[in-house]
Amino acid sequence: MDGSLDFEFEDPLLSSPVVTKKRKKVIGLDDLLSDYYKEKSKLVERESIQEKAQKAYNSDDDVNTKEASLSEVIDQCQNQMREISGEEDMSTWGMHVFGNQKVPPPLAFPGLGSCAILQSFMNNELNSLFELDSDKGDLFLEGLLANGWLSKLAFICGCVEKSMAMWTFNLMLYSPKEELRTSACEFWCAILSSKDEPVLIDWLPSYFELKGALEIYGFQSKSSFNRDSLHAGSNCGGPPQNIRSWVRFAAACSHVRNKFSVLSTSEAEELVEVIIFLFLDHQLHGLAVLLYECMQSLISYFTEKEWKNSCNKIAKSLACRVPKDLNCLRAVECISGYDTRSKQLRSSVAYQILLVCFDNKATDEEEVMRLLIAINVKEKGCDLFKMYIYLVLAENWLLVNQMLEHKPVINEMWGLYLRNCSCQISSTDLRSFASKVRNKASYLLQGTVTK
């Protein structure tokens, strides 16, 4: 009864050969996996060998060529990114107004030992203590000058002899010693500004000496003016050490018109131009306060009858000489006084520069405004950097001098020009200076609407 039935031997599922076949299939799958991984490892090994062979084949020249081509592609991408992002590739304001310096004149004067101040001291009883002789007179006077006693002795004597005046003047402008040039400048400022104790000066420096000092300093005059050599970054000499004393003396000369005839009207006009150009030199940025005070003194030098004509002359001369970039804006904005004359000069300089920018095609204020309004800021070829220059110049021309209050036609044209700049340039405009022109015009337009 426990034995198998006959039909069970005939069932293929219950027969032993079936079990054997299943075991053979499981073993065969393991073998296939093993073979697969073996082939995979061989393939990786072959690829590694081929890669090493390829690297060995490449020479150094090929590597350099690939690096050069990669660098070129990167530069192209950067240039495209600048154009897309509207990055403003421009140079800031700044000029080198001093070139190579010349040899200064000698500081020693043969007749200095015979001056009255020195002789009076040598003949005094105190000289027995110092035992001063004429050969050491220069050193003695230098000591008096450095200690501030020379000006006091000049007030006591009531006179400054020619040799003493020329000696201290040259020390002020050409001495390499800071103590001597500063003391000499203090000496001259004290002598010129004296009110209660008038002093007779046998020799008074003129504008010829001041201009000659600038030439020795290497200042670029009208005749040697070269815009390419004046731009910052060119290989030019720096400002001289004595320029601070020169500026202080120029300011002192402008205060003594009623006492001493040092400057003529035309010479004072040239000095104003020189001071404005000194503002454009980055290396003289530390003298901004001193330059401002000197400019205010020079502007106050003119009489009421002279000022209107002199103001126009200064503006026209500057407009022809200043480069039409951010330097012209700096030249306008450095005239920063709040008095009436400073505002008039600032407005006049901005107006004359605008005329030169348009090649003198305009003859009056209305024609200038028509030229500005005619500029189509929507065009891709429109130079928005120039548009920004025009906008700032027009702002200083019209608003500083309050011209809009007296000429309603100019006021309407000014508002139209601002609307063109603010509304016709979209916020998505990626051109260089597009955002600056739009924002500046929008800000100014709000002021006109408020008024």
Protein backbone atom coordinates (compact mmCIF):
# COMPACT_ATOMS: atom_id res chain seq x y z
CA MET A 1 0.00 0.00 0.00
CA ASP A 2 2.89 2.35 0.61
CA GLY A 3 4.32 1.90 -2.88
CA SER A 4 3.86 4.29 -5.78
CA LEU A 5 1.07 3.85 -8.16
CA ASP A 6 1.64 3.26 -11.79
CA PHE A 7 0.43 6.68 -13.00
CA GLU A 8 2.80 8.49 -10.63
CA PHE A 9 5.78 7.16 -12.54
CA GLU A 10 4.34 8.68 -15.66
CA ASP A 11 3.98 12.28 -14.18
CA PRO A 12 6.96 14.38 -15.43
CA LEU A 13 6.77 16.78 -12.45
CA LEU A 14 7.32 14.03 -9.95
CA SER A 15 10.13 12.34 -11.76
CA SER A 16 13.75 12.72 -10.62
CA PRO A 17 15.13 13.99 -13.92
CA VAL A 18 13.06 17.16 -13.52
CA VAL A 19 14.71 17.93 -10.21
CA THR A 20 18.12 17.47 -11.74
CA LYS A 21 17.31 19.92 -14.55
CA LYS A 22 16.28 22.64 -12.09
CA ARG A 23 19.58 22.35 -10.23
CA LYS A 24 21.47 22.58 -13.48
CA LYS A 25 19.62 25.86 -14.33
CA VAL A 26 20.55 27.51 -10.98
CA ILE A 27 24.20 26.59 -11.38
CA GLY A 28 24.20 27.81 -14.93
CA LEU A 29 22.92 31.26 -13.88
CA ASP A 30 25.78 31.67 -11.38
CA ASP A 31 28.21 30.75 -14.06
CA LEU A 32 26.73 33.33 -16.40
CA LEU A 33 27.02 36.06 -13.76
CA SER A 34 30.59 35.14 -13.05
CA ASP A 35 31.44 35.19 -16.72
CA TYR A 36 29.72 38.57 -17.13
CA TYR A 37 31.72 40.23 -14.37
CA LYS A 38 34.92 38.79 -15.72
CA GLU A 39 34.21 40.24 -19.15
CA LYS A 40 33.28 43.58 -17.57
CA SER A 41 36.56 43.82 -15.70
CA LYS A 42 38.47 42.98 -18.86
CA LEU A 43 36.60 45.72 -20.73
CA VAL A 44 37.41 48.32 -18.05
CA GLU A 45 41.03 47.28 -18.11
CA ARG A 46 41.22 47.65 -21.88
CA GLU A 47 39.62 51.14 -21.72
CA SER A 48 42.13 52.19 -19.07
CA ILE A 49 45.01 51.00 -21.22
CA GLN A 50 43.63 52.87 -24.24
CA GLU A 51 43.22 56.08 -22.20
CA LYS A 52 46.80 55.90 -20.97
CA ALA A 53 47.98 55.35 -24.49
CA GLN A 54 46.00 58.36 -25.70
CA LYS A 55 47.47 60.58 -22.97
CA ALA A 56 50.95 59.43 -23.83
CA TYR A 57 50.31 60.22 -27.46
CA ASN A 58 49.25 63.82 -26.82
CA SER A 59 52.24 66.20 -26.87
CA ASP A 60 52.78 69.49 -24.93
CA ASP A 61 51.92 71.54 -28.01
CA ASP A 62 48.53 69.90 -28.18
CA VAL A 63 47.89 70.76 -24.54
CA ASN A 64 48.89 74.40 -25.10
CA THR A 65 46.65 74.61 -28.13
CA LYS A 66 43.71 73.29 -26.16
CA GLU A 67 44.37 75.74 -23.32
CA ALA A 68 44.55 78.65 -25.77
CA SER A 69 41.31 77.67 -27.43
CA LEU A 70 39.65 77.25 -24.04
CA SER A 71 40.86 80.69 -22.93
CA GLU A 72 39.49 82.20 -26.13
CA VAL A 73 36.11 80.62 -25.53
CA ILE A 74 36.06 81.92 -21.95
CA ASP A 75 36.91 85.46 -23.13
CA GLN A 76 34.10 85.35 -25.66
CA CYS A 77 31.68 84.20 -22.99
CA GLN A 78 32.76 87.01 -20.64
CA ASN A 79 32.33 89.63 -23.36
CA GLN A 80 28.87 88.33 -24.14
CA MET A 81 27.96 88.35 -20.45
CA ARG A 82 29.08 91.98 -20.17
CA GLU A 83 26.89 92.98 -23.09
CA ILE A 84 23.91 91.10 -21.71
CA SER A 85 24.25 92.40 -18.17
CA GLY A 86 24.87 95.98 -19.29
CA GLU A 87 28.17 96.21 -17.46
CA GLU A 88 29.58 99.72 -17.88
CA ASP A 89 33.11 99.43 -19.15
CA MET A 90 34.42 102.95 -18.69
CA SER A 91 37.28 104.80 -17.10
CA THR A 92 36.73 107.08 -14.14
CA TRP A 93 37.70 110.74 -14.10
CA GLY A 94 41.33 111.62 -13.57
CA MET A 95 44.15 113.34 -15.42
CA HIS A 96 47.89 113.80 -15.04
CA VAL A 97 48.28 117.56 -15.28
CA PHE A 98 52.01 117.50 -14.49
CA GLY A 99 54.66 116.17 -16.83
CA ASN A 100 58.41 116.04 -16.44
CA GLN A 101 59.80 118.67 -14.08
CA LYS A 102 62.61 121.03 -15.00
CA VAL A 103 65.64 122.05 -12.99
CA PRO A 104 64.64 124.74 -10.42
CA PRO A 105 66.67 127.94 -10.05
CA PRO A 106 69.39 128.17 -7.40
CA LEU A 107 68.23 128.95 -3.89
CA ALA A 108 71.32 130.89 -2.75
CA PHE A 109 71.57 134.68 -3.22
CA PRO A 110 74.95 136.42 -3.16
CA GLY A 111 73.56 139.67 -1.72
CA LEU A 112 71.68 138.00 1.11
CA GLY A 113 74.50 138.58 3.60
CA SER A 114 74.23 142.35 3.24
CA CYS A 115 70.50 142.56 4.06
CA ALA A 116 69.51 144.98 6.81
CA ILE A 117 68.03 142.37 9.13
CA LEU A 118 71.18 140.27 9.16
CA GLN A 119 73.52 143.28 9.48
CA SER A 120 71.53 144.73 12.36
CA PHE A 121 71.82 141.45 14.24
CA MET A 122 75.54 141.11 13.54
CA ASN A 123 76.14 144.63 14.85
CA ASN A 124 74.10 143.95 17.98
CA GLU A 125 75.71 143.14 21.29
CA LEU A 126 74.00 139.73 21.30
CA ASN A 127 76.20 138.70 18.42
CA SER A 128 79.12 138.47 20.86
CA LEU A 129 77.38 135.44 22.35
CA PHE A 130 76.69 133.75 18.99
CA GLU A 131 79.87 134.96 17.23
CA LEU A 132 78.02 134.96 13.92
CA ASP A 133 80.00 135.82 10.81
CA SER A 134 78.81 136.69 7.32
CA ASP A 135 79.68 133.24 5.95
CA LYS A 136 77.03 131.62 8.18
CA GLY A 137 74.38 134.25 7.45
CA ASP A 138 72.25 131.95 5.27
CA LEU A 139 72.06 129.28 7.96
CA PHE A 140 71.18 131.89 10.56
CA LEU A 141 68.38 133.32 8.41
CA GLU A 142 67.07 129.82 7.74
CA GLY A 143 66.82 129.31 11.49
CA LEU A 144 64.97 132.60 11.92
CA LEU A 145 62.63 131.65 9.08
CA ALA A 146 61.90 128.18 10.45
CA ASN A 147 61.18 129.55 13.94
CA GLY A 148 58.86 132.29 12.64
CA TRP A 149 61.10 135.14 13.81
CA LEU A 150 61.93 136.46 10.35
CA SER A 151 58.45 137.86 9.75
CA LYS A 152 58.47 139.51 13.20
CA LEU A 153 61.80 141.15 12.43
CA ALA A 154 60.41 142.31 9.07
CA PHE A 155 57.48 143.96 10.85
CA ILE A 156 59.88 145.62 13.29
CA CYS A 157 62.07 146.92 10.49
CA GLY A 158 59.03 147.81 8.35
CA CYS A 159 60.75 146.66 5.19
CA VAL A 160 61.55 143.50 3.23
CA GLU A 161 64.56 144.00 0.97
CA LYS A 162 64.72 142.60 -2.52
CA SER A 163 67.30 139.91 -1.72
CA MET A 164 65.28 138.74 1.29
CA ALA A 165 62.03 138.72 -0.71
CA MET A 166 63.51 136.74 -3.64
CA TRP A 167 65.25 134.30 -1.31
CA THR A 168 62.12 133.46 0.68
CA PHE A 169 60.03 133.32 -2.51
CA ASN A 170 62.36 130.76 -4.10
CA LEU A 171 62.49 128.72 -0.92
CA MET A 172 58.69 128.62 -0.88
CA LEU A 173 58.39 127.37 -4.47
CA TYR A 174 61.53 125.26 -4.97
CA SER A 175 63.02 124.15 -1.66
CA PRO A 176 63.05 120.35 -1.17
CA LYS A 177 62.89 120.84 2.60
CA GLU A 178 59.33 120.87 3.86
CA GLU A 179 60.10 122.97 6.91
CA LEU A 180 61.73 125.74 4.86
CA ARG A 181 59.08 125.93 2.13
CA THR A 182 56.25 125.90 4.68
CA SER A 183 57.92 128.60 6.77
CA ALA A 184 58.62 130.70 3.67
CA CYS A 185 54.96 130.41 2.67
CA GLU A 186 53.90 131.50 6.16
CA PHE A 187 56.30 134.43 5.89
CA TRP A 188 54.76 135.67 2.63
CA CYS A 189 51.17 135.14 3.78
CA ALA A 190 51.89 137.14 6.92
CA ILE A 191 53.54 139.98 4.98
CA LEU A 192 50.80 140.22 2.36
CA SER A 193 47.90 139.96 4.81
CA SER A 194 49.26 142.44 7.33
CA LYS A 195 46.76 145.24 8.08
CA ASP A 196 47.84 146.95 11.28
CA GLU A 197 51.56 146.86 10.46
CA PRO A 198 52.15 147.81 6.82
CA VAL A 199 55.44 146.56 5.43
CA LEU A 200 57.33 148.05 2.49
CA ILE A 201 58.31 145.31 0.03
CA ASP A 202 61.17 146.20 -2.32
CA TRP A 203 60.40 143.28 -4.67
CA LEU A 204 56.96 141.79 -5.23
CA PRO A 205 56.52 138.59 -7.28
CA SER A 206 54.19 138.82 -10.26
CA TYR A 207 52.13 136.35 -12.26
CA PHE A 208 55.20 135.82 -14.46
CA GLU A 209 57.01 134.18 -11.53
CA LEU A 210 53.97 132.08 -10.62
CA LYS A 211 53.54 130.89 -14.19
CA GLY A 212 57.27 130.19 -14.46
CA ALA A 213 57.05 128.01 -11.37
CA LEU A 214 54.24 126.00 -12.99
CA GLU A 215 56.38 125.45 -16.07
CA ILE A 216 59.23 124.19 -13.91
CA TYR A 217 56.76 121.90 -12.15
CA GLY A 218 55.85 120.44 -15.58
CA PHE A 219 52.29 121.77 -15.69
CA GLN A 220 50.60 121.26 -19.07
CA SER A 221 49.93 124.78 -20.32
CA LYS A 222 47.67 125.76 -23.20
CA SER A 223 50.48 125.52 -25.72
CA SER A 224 51.59 122.05 -24.56
CA PHE A 225 48.11 120.71 -23.90
CA ASN A 226 47.75 117.09 -25.05
CA ARG A 227 44.70 115.09 -24.06
CA ASP A 228 46.38 111.72 -24.63
CA SER A 229 49.24 112.58 -22.29
CA LEU A 230 46.90 113.95 -19.63
CA HIS A 231 44.77 110.87 -19.11
CA ALA A 232 45.37 108.90 -15.94
CA GLY A 233 47.49 105.87 -16.60
CA SER A 234 49.92 107.59 -18.95
CA ASN A 235 53.57 107.66 -17.99
CA CYS A 236 53.89 111.23 -16.69
CA GLY A 237 55.56 112.85 -13.74
CA GLY A 238 53.75 113.44 -10.50
CA PRO A 239 52.90 116.72 -8.79
CA PRO A 240 55.77 118.63 -7.17
CA GLN A 241 56.15 118.83 -3.41
CA ASN A 242 55.88 122.63 -3.48
CA ILE A 243 52.44 122.77 -5.13
CA ARG A 244 50.74 123.24 -1.75
CA SER A 245 52.75 126.40 -1.07
CA TRP A 246 52.08 127.59 -4.62
CA VAL A 247 48.31 127.27 -4.14
CA ARG A 248 48.41 129.04 -0.77
CA PHE A 249 50.44 131.91 -2.21
CA ALA A 250 48.04 132.25 -5.18
CA ALA A 251 45.15 132.51 -2.74
CA ALA A 252 47.02 135.13 -0.68
CA CYS A 253 47.68 137.23 -3.81
CA SER A 254 43.97 137.34 -4.61
CA HIS A 255 43.24 138.94 -1.23
CA VAL A 256 45.56 141.94 -1.63
CA ARG A 257 44.24 143.60 -4.78
CA ASN A 258 43.67 146.89 -3.00
CA LYS A 259 47.17 146.91 -1.49
CA PHE A 260 49.46 145.26 -4.04
CA SER A 261 49.16 144.95 -7.79
CA VAL A 262 50.08 141.28 -8.19
CA LEU A 263 47.50 139.97 -10.68
CA SER A 264 45.71 141.49 -13.65
CA THR A 265 42.18 140.46 -14.63
CA SER A 266 43.33 138.12 -17.41
CA GLU A 267 45.95 136.57 -15.14
CA ALA A 268 43.34 135.89 -12.47
CA GLU A 269 41.19 134.21 -15.14
CA GLU A 270 44.06 131.89 -16.04
CA LEU A 271 44.63 131.06 -12.39
CA VAL A 272 41.00 129.96 -12.01
CA GLU A 273 41.50 127.57 -14.95
CA VAL A 274 44.70 126.23 -13.40
CA ILE A 275 42.96 125.51 -10.09
CA ILE A 276 40.13 123.66 -11.86
CA PHE A 277 42.67 121.50 -13.72
CA LEU A 278 44.41 120.73 -10.43
CA PHE A 279 41.06 119.36 -9.23
CA LEU A 280 41.23 116.79 -12.06
CA ASP A 281 44.46 115.18 -10.83
CA HIS A 282 43.82 112.21 -8.53
CA GLN A 283 47.21 112.72 -6.93
CA LEU A 284 46.09 116.12 -5.62
CA HIS A 285 42.85 114.81 -4.16
CA GLY A 286 44.18 115.46 -0.66
CA LEU A 287 44.39 119.19 -1.45
CA ALA A 288 40.68 119.48 -2.32
CA VAL A 289 39.90 121.81 0.59
CA LEU A 290 42.90 124.02 -0.12
CA LEU A 291 42.03 124.17 -3.83
CA TYR A 292 38.42 125.06 -3.01
CA GLU A 293 39.52 127.92 -0.75
CA CYS A 294 41.89 129.20 -3.43
CA MET A 295 39.16 129.12 -6.08
CA GLN A 296 36.78 131.03 -3.83
CA SER A 297 39.47 133.66 -3.25
CA LEU A 298 40.14 134.00 -6.97
CA ILE A 299 36.43 134.28 -7.82
CA SER A 300 36.10 137.06 -5.26
CA TYR A 301 39.08 138.87 -6.82
CA PHE A 302 37.03 140.30 -9.74
CA THR A 303 34.95 143.45 -9.50
CA GLU A 304 31.27 143.38 -10.38
CA LYS A 305 31.96 144.98 -13.76
CA GLU A 306 34.67 142.46 -14.59
CA TRP A 307 32.92 139.31 -13.42
CA LYS A 308 30.35 138.73 -16.17
CA ASN A 309 32.90 139.00 -18.96
CA SER A 310 35.54 137.04 -17.05
CA CYS A 311 33.07 134.28 -16.21
CA ASN A 312 32.31 133.73 -19.91
CA LYS A 313 35.99 133.77 -20.84
CA ILE A 314 36.87 131.15 -18.22
CA ALA A 315 33.96 128.93 -19.30
CA LYS A 316 34.81 129.09 -23.01
CA SER A 317 38.49 128.37 -22.40
CA LEU A 318 37.74 125.37 -20.16
CA ALA A 319 35.19 123.98 -22.62
CA CYS A 320 37.82 123.83 -25.35
CA ARG A 321 40.43 122.15 -23.16
CA VAL A 322 38.61 119.65 -20.95
CA PRO A 323 38.07 116.15 -22.43
CA LYS A 324 34.41 115.33 -23.09
CA ASP A 325 34.22 112.41 -20.67
CA LEU A 326 33.78 112.18 -16.93
CA ASN A 327 36.56 114.76 -16.55
CA CYS A 328 34.29 117.50 -17.89
CA LEU A 329 31.68 116.56 -15.27
CA ARG A 330 34.36 116.69 -12.60
CA ALA A 331 35.45 120.13 -13.85
CA VAL A 332 31.88 121.38 -13.48
CA GLU A 333 31.17 119.79 -10.11
CA CYS A 334 34.40 121.01 -8.49
CA ILE A 335 32.94 124.54 -8.70
CA SER A 336 30.92 123.73 -5.63
CA GLY A 337 30.40 127.07 -3.91
CA TYR A 338 26.93 128.24 -2.87
CA ASP A 339 27.55 131.91 -3.55
CA THR A 340 26.11 133.63 -6.62
CA ARG A 341 29.39 133.82 -8.54
CA SER A 342 30.18 130.14 -8.06
CA LYS A 343 26.73 129.19 -9.34
CA GLN A 344 27.12 131.46 -12.34
CA LEU A 345 30.52 130.01 -13.20
CA ARG A 346 29.30 126.44 -12.80
CA SER A 347 26.29 127.06 -15.03
CA SER A 348 28.34 128.87 -17.65
CA VAL A 349 31.01 126.14 -17.81
CA ALA A 350 28.37 123.42 -18.22
CA TYR A 351 26.64 125.39 -21.00
CA GLN A 352 29.84 126.05 -22.93
CA ILE A 353 30.86 122.38 -22.72
CA LEU A 354 27.45 121.41 -24.12
CA LEU A 355 28.00 123.77 -27.04
CA VAL A 356 31.37 122.18 -27.79
CA CYS A 357 29.85 118.69 -27.51
CA PHE A 358 27.42 119.65 -30.29
CA ASP A 359 30.23 121.20 -32.37
CA ASN A 360 28.82 124.68 -31.77
CA LYS A 361 25.77 123.91 -33.94
CA ALA A 362 23.55 125.74 -31.43
CA THR A 363 23.66 129.47 -30.89
CA ASP A 364 21.26 129.90 -27.97
CA GLU A 365 19.58 127.97 -25.15
CA GLU A 366 16.53 126.88 -27.13
CA GLU A 367 18.62 125.35 -29.91
CA VAL A 368 20.64 123.41 -27.35
CA MET A 369 17.44 121.97 -25.91
CA ARG A 370 16.15 121.06 -29.39
CA LEU A 371 19.35 119.14 -30.09
CA LEU A 372 18.96 117.24 -26.82
CA ILE A 373 15.29 116.43 -27.45
CA ALA A 374 16.07 115.23 -31.01
CA ILE A 375 18.26 112.40 -29.72
CA ASN A 376 16.39 109.08 -30.05
CA VAL A 377 17.37 107.03 -27.03
CA LYS A 378 15.44 104.01 -28.36
CA GLU A 379 17.95 103.41 -31.15
CA LYS A 380 20.46 100.68 -30.45
CA GLY A 381 23.24 102.88 -31.81
CA CYS A 382 22.50 105.68 -29.36
CA ASP A 383 25.56 106.37 -27.19
CA LEU A 384 24.02 106.42 -23.72
CA PHE A 385 27.34 107.33 -22.13
CA LYS A 386 27.28 110.63 -24.05
CA MET A 387 23.61 110.94 -23.15
CA TYR A 388 24.55 110.68 -19.49
CA ILE A 389 27.19 113.40 -19.97
CA TYR A 390 24.63 115.65 -21.66
CA LEU A 391 22.08 115.04 -18.92
CA VAL A 392 24.42 116.00 -16.08
CA LEU A 393 25.73 119.03 -17.97
CA ALA A 394 22.19 120.21 -18.71
CA GLU A 395 21.28 119.75 -15.04
CA ASN A 396 24.16 121.97 -13.90
CA TRP A 397 23.50 124.49 -16.64
CA LEU A 398 19.77 124.93 -15.95
CA LEU A 399 19.19 124.13 -12.30
CA VAL A 400 22.27 125.63 -10.64
CA ASN A 401 21.64 129.08 -12.08
CA GLN A 402 17.83 128.84 -11.74
CA MET A 403 17.30 129.61 -15.42
CA LEU A 404 14.05 127.63 -15.53
CA GLU A 405 12.32 130.13 -13.27
CA HIS A 406 12.85 132.95 -15.76
CA LYS A 407 12.32 131.11 -19.07
CA PRO A 408 9.12 129.00 -19.17
CA VAL A 409 9.87 127.77 -22.73
CA ILE A 410 13.15 126.25 -21.56
CA ASN A 411 11.30 124.77 -18.60
CA GLU A 412 8.83 122.95 -20.90
CA MET A 413 11.61 121.70 -23.17
CA TRP A 414 13.56 120.49 -20.14
CA GLY A 415 10.57 118.48 -18.93
CA LEU A 416 10.12 116.91 -22.39
CA TYR A 417 13.78 115.97 -22.53
CA LEU A 418 13.58 114.31 -19.10
CA ARG A 419 10.47 112.36 -20.12
CA ASN A 420 12.25 111.09 -23.21
CA CYS A 421 15.17 109.84 -21.13
CA SER A 422 13.06 108.27 -18.40
CA CYS A 423 10.12 106.83 -20.36
CA GLN A 424 11.72 105.74 -23.62
CA ILE A 425 14.36 103.64 -21.84
CA SER A 426 12.73 100.56 -20.35
CA SER A 427 13.78 98.92 -17.11
CA THR A 428 14.81 95.82 -19.08
CA ASP A 429 17.18 97.76 -21.33
CA LEU A 430 20.59 96.13 -20.87
CA ARG A 431 22.64 98.70 -22.74
CA SER A 432 25.52 100.35 -20.95
CA PHE A 433 24.45 103.44 -18.96
CA ALA A 434 20.78 102.80 -19.72
CA SER A 435 19.87 102.47 -16.05
CA LYS A 436 21.93 105.53 -15.07
CA VAL A 437 20.30 107.76 -17.68
CA ARG A 438 16.80 106.50 -16.84
CA ASN A 439 17.22 106.81 -13.07
CA LYS A 440 18.85 110.24 -13.28
CA ALA A 441 16.14 111.58 -15.58
CA SER A 442 13.37 110.09 -13.43
CA TYR A 443 14.80 111.73 -10.32
CA LEU A 444 15.09 115.13 -12.02
CA LEU A 445 11.62 114.76 -13.52
CA GLN A 446 10.12 114.31 -10.06
CA GLY A 447 11.67 117.62 -9.04
CA THR A 448 10.14 119.44 -12.00
CA VAL A 449 6.70 117.93 -11.29
CA THR A 450 6.94 118.99 -7.64
CA LYS A 451 7.68 122.56 -8.66
